[in-house]
Protein backbone atom coordinates (compact mmCIF):
# COMPACT_ATOMS: atom_id res chain seq x y z
CA MET A 1 0.00 0.00 0.00
CA LYS A 2 2.79 2.43 0.91
CA SER A 3 4.62 1.76 -2.36
CA ARG A 4 1.50 2.48 -4.41
CA LEU A 5 0.93 5.75 -2.55
CA LEU A 6 4.58 6.67 -3.05
CA CYS A 7 4.33 5.90 -6.78
CA LEU A 8 1.17 7.97 -7.12
CA GLY A 9 2.84 10.83 -5.24
CA VAL A 10 5.89 10.78 -7.50
CA ILE A 11 3.73 10.61 -10.63
CA SER A 12 1.67 13.56 -9.37
CA CYS A 13 4.84 15.60 -8.79
CA VAL A 14 6.19 14.73 -12.21
CA LEU A 15 2.84 15.49 -13.85
CA GLY A 16 2.77 18.87 -12.16
CA SER A 17 6.26 19.76 -13.33
CA ALA A 18 5.56 18.53 -16.86
CA ALA A 19 2.15 20.16 -17.21
CA ARG A 20 3.45 22.79 -19.65
CA ALA A 21 5.22 20.25 -21.89
CA GLU A 22 3.72 17.96 -24.49
CA VAL A 23 3.83 14.68 -22.62
CA MET A 24 2.54 11.16 -23.30
CA GLU A 25 1.60 8.88 -20.44
CA LEU A 26 2.54 5.23 -21.01
CA ARG A 27 2.30 2.10 -18.91
CA PHE A 28 4.21 -1.11 -19.54
CA THR A 29 3.86 -4.44 -17.77
CA GLY A 30 6.47 -7.13 -17.74
CA THR A 31 8.00 -10.24 -16.28
CA LEU A 32 11.45 -11.60 -15.60
CA GLY A 33 11.48 -15.34 -15.12
CA PRO A 34 13.21 -18.60 -15.98
CA ARG A 35 13.29 -19.58 -19.64
CA ARG A 36 12.70 -23.25 -18.84
CA THR A 37 10.29 -24.69 -16.29
CA THR A 38 13.00 -27.03 -15.00
CA LEU A 39 14.74 -24.05 -13.38
CA LYS A 40 13.01 -23.58 -10.03
CA ALA A 41 13.35 -19.79 -9.84
CA PRO A 42 10.44 -17.44 -9.07
CA GLU A 43 9.03 -15.02 -11.62
CA LYS A 44 9.28 -11.28 -11.05
CA LYS A 45 6.48 -8.99 -12.26
CA PHE A 46 6.78 -5.27 -12.78
CA THR A 47 4.83 -2.26 -13.99
CA LEU A 48 6.58 0.72 -15.53
CA TYR A 49 4.81 4.09 -15.62
CA CYS A 50 6.35 6.70 -17.95
CA LEU A 51 5.77 10.30 -18.92
CA VAL A 52 7.48 10.75 -22.27
CA ASP A 53 8.41 14.28 -23.35
CA ARG A 54 9.30 14.23 -27.04
CA LYS A 55 10.55 17.85 -27.01
CA THR A 56 13.27 17.17 -24.45
CA ALA A 57 13.72 13.50 -25.51
CA THR A 58 13.35 12.33 -21.90
CA ALA A 59 11.08 10.01 -19.94
CA ASP A 60 10.22 10.36 -16.27
CA PHE A 61 9.45 6.96 -14.80
CA VAL A 62 8.26 5.06 -11.74
CA ILE A 63 8.58 1.29 -11.50
CA GLU A 64 6.69 -1.12 -9.24
CA GLU A 65 8.28 -4.53 -8.65
CA GLN A 66 6.80 -7.73 -7.21
CA GLY A 67 8.98 -10.77 -6.75
CA PRO A 68 12.57 -11.60 -5.85
CA GLY A 69 14.74 -8.51 -5.44
CA ARG A 70 13.52 -4.95 -5.22
CA TRP A 71 15.17 -1.55 -5.46
CA ALA A 72 15.11 0.85 -2.52
CA TRP A 73 12.49 3.54 -3.16
CA PRO A 74 14.92 6.22 -4.51
CA GLU A 75 15.99 3.82 -7.28
CA ARG A 76 12.41 3.17 -8.40
CA PHE A 77 11.92 6.51 -10.14
CA GLY A 78 13.93 8.94 -12.23
CA ARG A 79 14.51 10.44 -15.66
CA VAL A 80 16.23 8.85 -18.65
CA GLY A 81 17.25 10.10 -22.08
CA LEU A 82 15.52 8.57 -25.08
CA VAL A 83 18.03 9.03 -27.89
CA GLY A 84 21.13 6.88 -28.34
CA ALA A 85 22.89 4.74 -25.76
CA THR A 86 22.39 7.04 -22.77
CA LYS A 87 23.03 5.64 -19.30
CA PRO A 88 21.79 4.83 -16.77
CA GLY A 89 18.72 3.04 -18.02
CA ILE A 90 15.50 1.98 -16.34
CA ARG A 91 16.26 -1.17 -14.35
CA VAL A 92 14.62 -3.93 -12.33
CA LEU A 93 16.47 -5.88 -9.66
CA TYR A 94 16.37 -9.68 -9.54
CA ASP A 95 17.61 -11.85 -6.67
CA HIS A 96 18.86 -15.17 -8.06
CA ASP A 97 20.39 -17.62 -5.58
CA GLY A 98 21.24 -14.82 -3.14
CA THR A 99 22.97 -12.59 -5.70
CA LEU A 100 21.35 -9.35 -6.91
CA TYR A 101 21.31 -8.77 -10.68
CA PRO A 102 20.19 -5.36 -12.04
CA GLN A 103 18.58 -5.74 -15.48
CA VAL A 104 18.06 -2.82 -17.86
CA LEU A 105 14.60 -2.51 -19.43
CA GLN A 106 13.90 -1.40 -22.98
CA ARG A 107 13.13 2.34 -23.08
CA PRO A 108 9.53 3.29 -24.00
CA VAL A 109 10.68 5.06 -27.18
CA PHE A 110 13.12 3.24 -29.46
CA GLU A 111 16.52 4.88 -29.06
CA TYR A 112 17.62 4.73 -32.73
CA PRO A 113 14.53 5.85 -34.72
CA GLU A 114 16.55 7.14 -37.69
CA LYS A 115 17.83 3.60 -38.39
CA LEU A 116 14.42 1.92 -38.68
CA LYS A 117 14.45 0.88 -42.34
CA PRO A 118 14.08 -2.63 -43.81
CA GLY A 119 17.34 -4.60 -43.72
CA THR A 120 19.30 -2.00 -41.74
CA SER A 121 21.94 -3.27 -39.27
CA TRP A 122 24.19 -1.46 -36.77
CA THR A 123 26.20 -2.24 -33.65
CA VAL A 124 26.25 -0.41 -30.31
CA GLU A 125 28.32 -1.62 -27.35
CA ARG A 126 28.62 -5.28 -28.46
CA ILE A 127 24.92 -5.52 -29.39
CA LYS A 128 24.06 -5.87 -33.07
CA TYR A 129 20.66 -4.51 -34.13
CA ASN A 130 18.97 -5.78 -37.30
CA VAL A 131 15.64 -4.52 -38.65
CA ALA A 132 14.17 -7.91 -39.57
CA GLY A 133 11.02 -6.56 -41.20
CA SER A 134 7.44 -5.50 -40.55
CA GLN A 135 5.11 -7.34 -38.21
CA SER A 136 1.75 -6.65 -36.61
CA LYS A 137 1.93 -6.69 -32.81
CA LYS A 138 -1.03 -5.88 -30.55
CA ASN A 139 -2.94 -4.54 -33.59
CA ARG A 140 -0.15 -2.07 -34.38
CA GLN A 141 2.09 -2.01 -37.45
CA CYS A 142 5.63 -2.45 -36.14
CA TRP A 143 9.24 -2.86 -37.13
CA ARG A 144 10.69 -6.04 -35.64
CA VAL A 145 14.26 -5.41 -34.52
CA GLU A 146 16.39 -8.47 -33.68
CA LEU A 147 19.24 -8.12 -31.17
CA THR A 148 22.30 -10.37 -31.17
CA ASN A 149 25.45 -10.48 -29.08
CA ARG A 150 28.58 -12.63 -29.21
CA PHE A 151 26.57 -15.63 -27.93
CA GLY A 152 23.84 -15.39 -30.58
CA ARG A 153 20.30 -14.03 -30.69
CA SER A 154 19.54 -12.18 -27.46
CA GLY A 155 16.15 -10.57 -28.04
CA SER A 156 13.56 -8.73 -30.10
CA VAL A 157 11.97 -5.28 -29.95
CA TRP A 158 8.73 -4.34 -31.73
CA VAL A 159 8.61 -0.62 -32.57
CA GLU A 160 5.41 1.05 -33.78
CA LYS A 161 6.11 2.49 -37.24
CA SER A 162 4.02 5.64 -36.88
CA THR A 163 5.27 6.76 -33.44
CA GLY A 164 8.57 5.03 -32.63
CA LEU A 165 7.04 3.74 -29.38
CA VAL A 166 8.09 0.29 -28.20
CA VAL A 167 5.07 -2.02 -28.28
CA ALA A 168 6.86 -5.07 -26.85
CA ALA A 169 10.36 -6.30 -26.04
CA SER A 170 11.81 -9.69 -25.17
CA ARG A 171 15.39 -10.38 -24.11
CA ARG A 172 17.27 -13.53 -23.10
CA ILE A 173 19.44 -13.08 -19.99
CA VAL A 174 21.93 -15.41 -18.32
CA MET A 175 22.38 -15.21 -14.53
CA GLY A 176 24.27 -17.31 -12.03
CA GLN A 177 26.08 -20.28 -13.52
CA GLY A 178 24.43 -20.34 -16.93
CA ASP A 179 20.78 -20.09 -15.81
CA GLU A 180 18.67 -18.64 -18.64
CA PHE A 181 15.90 -16.12 -18.02
CA VAL A 182 13.56 -14.11 -20.24
CA LEU A 183 12.82 -10.41 -19.64
CA GLU A 184 9.61 -9.32 -21.37
CA SER A 185 7.75 -6.01 -21.39
CA ASN A 186 4.53 -5.05 -23.16
CA TRP A 187 2.61 -1.87 -23.80
CA PRO A 188 -1.07 -2.63 -23.10
CA ALA A 189 -3.52 -2.23 -25.96
CA LYS A 190 -5.20 0.72 -24.21
CA PRO A 191 -3.59 3.44 -22.09
CA PRO A 192 -4.19 3.25 -18.31
C-alpha cells in the first residue's frame, strides 16, 4: 500500500512539473522469469509508468516490482534520455540464488529511430541490431528489430512504425552459472 501511494505521489509531482510540456503517459507491464520450467526460480512482475516528453527526448518513470529482489524507493523513479545509448537506463532488480542482478529494461521510445528501415543493421556496445522486417503486434504495425550479441540471438523489440514507441520487447538473460531467463515487457492495448 505504501509503495502504491509513493508511486502515485511521485507521478503527481512529475505530472505537475511537466504540465506545460507535451507529454505522453505510457504504462508497460512485464515479467522476468526462468526460460525453462525445469529451473526452479520465481518469476518477477513489474509495472513501468512513464511520462514521455518528445521535445526534451526524456522520460520520467516510476517502477513497481513484485517478486525476488527490489530496489530501494529512490531507485524506483527517475529520468532517462531517449536518444542513443544514454546511461543509466531503467532497471529492475532480480535476486537469483542470493545474488542481486540489475537488469536494464527497454526504453519506452526506441533509441535509434533514424535507423528503422528494412534490412538496416548497426552495432552499439557489443549488441548488433537488425531490422528484420514489418510485423503486426497488438494490432499495431511495427518494425521487428532483432538483437544479437557474441553468444547469438539475445532478443527482439517491436517498434510502432508511426510513433517510434516500443510495443513489446523480449530479451534472453543469463544469470548465475548459466541459468537462462527471459525479460519481457509489453505496452497494453489501451492506455491506463
